[in-house]
Amino acid sequence: MSEENTTNNEAAAAAEGKAPAGFGIKRVFTKDLSFEVPAGLGAFSLQGQPNVGQDLNTQINRVDDTHYEVVLKVTVTVKMGEDKVAFLAEVHQAGIFQVVGIEGPQLQQVLSTACPQILFPYVRETIDSLAVRGGFAPVLLPQINFDALFVQAVAQAKAQADSQAEADA
């Protein structure tokens, strides 16, 4: 039954002169990587409960008509005690994704949610590995709901646009 629906959808898209919708991963790679221990040897004698801070950002670049580079940028700062930085890890994990037949807001949502969701496990493993290789305890970043972050960002942008429109009026 699903094969019939798929064939019918593809036939309808072809009749309209559009390619059927599609999404594919072409390549995943580490674009940039940094690990710093600002306190040097003193970082290993720091006392206190570790405080893990995480900063997350995405960058989307169009490569051609159907390919996009999505870069998930994650910076993790681990502090001990008051504000003593034990280490800082920054990973820019990138992917080349092929997106066909998806446009407008749906395209933005796919690039802002599905792509980072695919890249995030690579970032988690890299940061954990960097911490261990740097002589520290493992760091397991919590899962992130990129769909919720996208909805929140859209709502914030709408609220900001509404307040700007009121200010201009």
Protein backbone atom coordinates (compact mmCIF):
# COMPACT_ATOMS: atom_id res chain seq x y z
CA MET A 1 0.00 0.00 0.00
CA SER A 2 2.77 2.46 0.87
CA GLU A 3 4.57 1.69 -2.39
CA GLU A 4 1.42 2.75 -4.27
CA ASN A 5 1.25 6.02 -2.30
CA THR A 6 4.93 6.71 -2.95
CA THR A 7 4.51 6.00 -6.66
CA ASN A 8 1.38 8.18 -6.80
CA ASN A 9 3.16 11.03 -4.99
CA GLU A 10 6.13 10.81 -7.36
CA ALA A 11 3.81 10.74 -10.38
CA ALA A 12 1.91 13.79 -9.10
CA ALA A 13 5.17 15.67 -8.49
CA ALA A 14 6.43 14.76 -11.98
CA ALA A 15 3.12 15.90 -13.53
CA GLU A 16 3.55 19.28 -11.81
CA GLY A 17 7.10 19.53 -13.14
CA LYS A 18 8.65 19.18 -9.67
CA ALA A 19 11.10 16.60 -8.41
CA PRO A 20 9.80 14.43 -5.57
CA ALA A 21 10.81 15.58 -2.10
CA GLY A 22 14.00 14.04 -0.84
CA PHE A 23 16.62 14.40 1.89
CA GLY A 24 20.06 12.83 2.01
CA ILE A 25 23.35 13.02 3.87
CA LYS A 26 26.29 13.43 1.50
CA ARG A 27 29.14 13.93 3.99
CA VAL A 28 29.74 14.54 7.71
CA PHE A 29 33.04 16.07 8.79
CA THR A 30 34.77 18.02 11.56
CA LYS A 31 35.29 21.54 10.27
CA ASP A 32 37.05 23.03 13.31
CA LEU A 33 38.22 21.71 16.66
CA SER A 34 39.75 23.38 19.70
CA PHE A 35 40.65 22.17 23.20
CA GLU A 36 42.17 24.53 25.76
CA VAL A 37 43.31 24.15 29.35
CA PRO A 38 43.84 27.81 30.37
CA ALA A 39 45.13 27.00 33.89
CA GLY A 40 47.65 24.49 32.55
CA LEU A 41 48.85 21.98 35.15
CA GLY A 42 46.89 23.85 37.83
CA ALA A 43 43.63 22.67 36.24
CA PHE A 44 44.21 19.18 37.65
CA SER A 45 44.35 20.42 41.24
CA LEU A 46 41.13 22.47 41.06
CA GLN A 47 38.60 21.46 43.72
CA GLY A 48 34.84 21.66 43.68
CA GLN A 49 31.86 20.45 41.76
CA PRO A 50 32.29 20.77 37.97
CA ASN A 51 29.95 23.23 36.29
CA VAL A 52 29.45 22.41 32.60
CA GLY A 53 28.32 25.26 30.37
CA GLN A 54 27.24 24.67 26.80
CA ASP A 55 26.81 27.18 23.97
CA LEU A 56 25.16 25.99 20.76
CA ASN A 57 24.80 27.63 17.36
CA THR A 58 24.13 26.57 13.78
CA GLN A 59 25.27 28.03 10.49
CA ILE A 60 23.60 27.17 7.18
CA ASN A 61 25.32 27.77 3.84
CA ARG A 62 23.80 27.01 0.45
CA VAL A 63 26.29 25.07 -1.70
CA ASP A 64 24.14 24.80 -4.85
CA ASP A 65 20.47 24.36 -5.81
CA THR A 66 20.01 21.16 -3.80
CA HIS A 67 22.98 20.98 -1.40
CA TYR A 68 23.47 22.76 1.91
CA GLU A 69 26.33 22.83 4.37
CA VAL A 70 25.06 22.87 7.95
CA VAL A 71 27.59 23.54 10.71
CA LEU A 72 26.71 22.77 14.32
CA LYS A 73 28.97 24.84 16.58
CA VAL A 74 29.20 23.71 20.19
CA THR A 75 31.39 25.23 22.88
CA VAL A 76 31.65 23.50 26.25
CA THR A 77 33.23 25.26 29.21
CA VAL A 78 33.91 23.25 32.36
CA LYS A 79 34.50 25.33 35.48
CA MET A 80 35.52 24.08 38.90
CA GLY A 81 34.66 25.82 42.13
CA GLU A 82 34.01 29.54 41.76
CA ASP A 83 34.98 30.50 38.22
CA LYS A 84 38.15 28.58 37.54
CA VAL A 85 38.04 27.20 33.99
CA ALA A 86 39.30 23.62 33.92
CA PHE A 87 38.95 23.28 30.15
CA LEU A 88 37.22 24.63 27.10
CA ALA A 89 36.27 22.51 24.09
CA GLU A 90 34.88 23.85 20.83
CA VAL A 91 33.68 21.68 17.95
CA HIS A 92 32.33 22.77 14.57
CA GLN A 93 30.73 19.62 13.15
CA ALA A 94 29.57 20.02 9.56
CA GLY A 95 27.52 18.09 7.10
CA ILE A 96 26.63 18.37 3.45
CA PHE A 97 22.95 17.60 2.98
CA GLN A 98 20.96 17.21 -0.22
CA VAL A 99 17.42 18.58 -0.02
CA VAL A 100 15.13 18.25 -3.04
CA GLY A 101 11.50 19.34 -3.38
CA ILE A 102 11.29 21.09 0.00
CA GLU A 103 11.05 24.88 0.01
CA GLY A 104 10.27 27.90 2.17
CA PRO A 105 9.57 27.43 5.87
CA GLN A 106 9.71 23.63 5.57
CA LEU A 107 13.24 23.85 4.13
CA GLN A 108 14.31 26.16 6.96
CA GLN A 109 12.86 23.74 9.50
CA VAL A 110 14.64 20.71 7.97
CA LEU A 111 17.97 22.56 7.87
CA SER A 112 17.53 23.89 11.42
CA THR A 113 16.28 20.71 13.10
CA ALA A 114 16.93 17.48 11.19
CA CYS A 115 20.48 18.36 10.14
CA PRO A 116 21.73 19.45 13.61
CA GLN A 117 20.02 16.39 15.11
CA ILE A 118 22.11 14.21 12.79
CA LEU A 119 25.33 16.10 13.61
CA PHE A 120 24.88 16.26 17.40
CA PRO A 121 25.96 12.67 18.24
CA TYR A 122 29.26 13.35 16.47
CA VAL A 123 29.75 16.47 18.60
CA ARG A 124 28.91 14.58 21.81
CA GLU A 125 31.46 11.87 21.04
CA THR A 126 34.16 14.36 20.04
CA ILE A 127 33.79 16.47 23.19
CA ASP A 128 33.77 13.39 25.41
CA SER A 129 36.88 12.08 23.66
CA LEU A 130 38.66 15.44 23.95
CA ALA A 131 37.96 15.64 27.68
CA VAL A 132 39.28 12.12 28.32
CA ARG A 133 42.35 12.61 26.10
CA GLY A 134 42.97 15.91 27.89
CA GLY A 135 43.18 14.05 31.22
CA PHE A 136 39.73 14.96 32.55
CA ALA A 137 36.63 12.97 33.43
CA PRO A 138 34.27 12.12 30.56
CA VAL A 139 31.68 14.74 29.59
CA LEU A 140 28.36 13.43 28.33
CA LEU A 141 26.28 16.26 26.91
CA PRO A 142 22.52 15.93 27.36
CA GLN A 143 20.29 15.33 24.34
CA ILE A 144 18.90 18.45 22.67
CA ASN A 145 15.41 18.84 21.23
CA PHE A 146 16.20 20.83 18.09
CA ASP A 147 12.50 20.94 17.13
CA ALA A 148 11.66 22.76 20.39
CA LEU A 149 14.59 25.15 19.90
CA PHE A 150 13.36 25.92 16.37
CA VAL A 151 9.79 26.62 17.57
CA GLN A 152 11.18 28.86 20.31
CA ALA A 153 13.40 30.77 17.83
CA VAL A 154 10.48 31.28 15.41
CA ALA A 155 8.28 32.56 18.26
CA GLN A 156 11.04 34.93 19.42
CA ALA A 157 11.57 36.26 15.88
CA LYS A 158 7.80 36.82 15.48
CA ALA A 159 7.57 38.64 18.83
CA GLN A 160 10.57 40.78 17.92
CA ALA A 161 9.07 41.62 14.51
CA ASP A 162 5.72 42.50 16.14
CA SER A 163 7.38 44.80 18.69
CA GLN A 164 9.44 46.44 15.92
CA ALA A 165 6.28 47.02 13.86
CA GLU A 166 4.61 48.64 16.90
CA ALA A 167 7.65 50.86 17.46
CA ASP A 168 7.67 51.95 13.80
CA ALA A 169 3.93 52.79 13.86
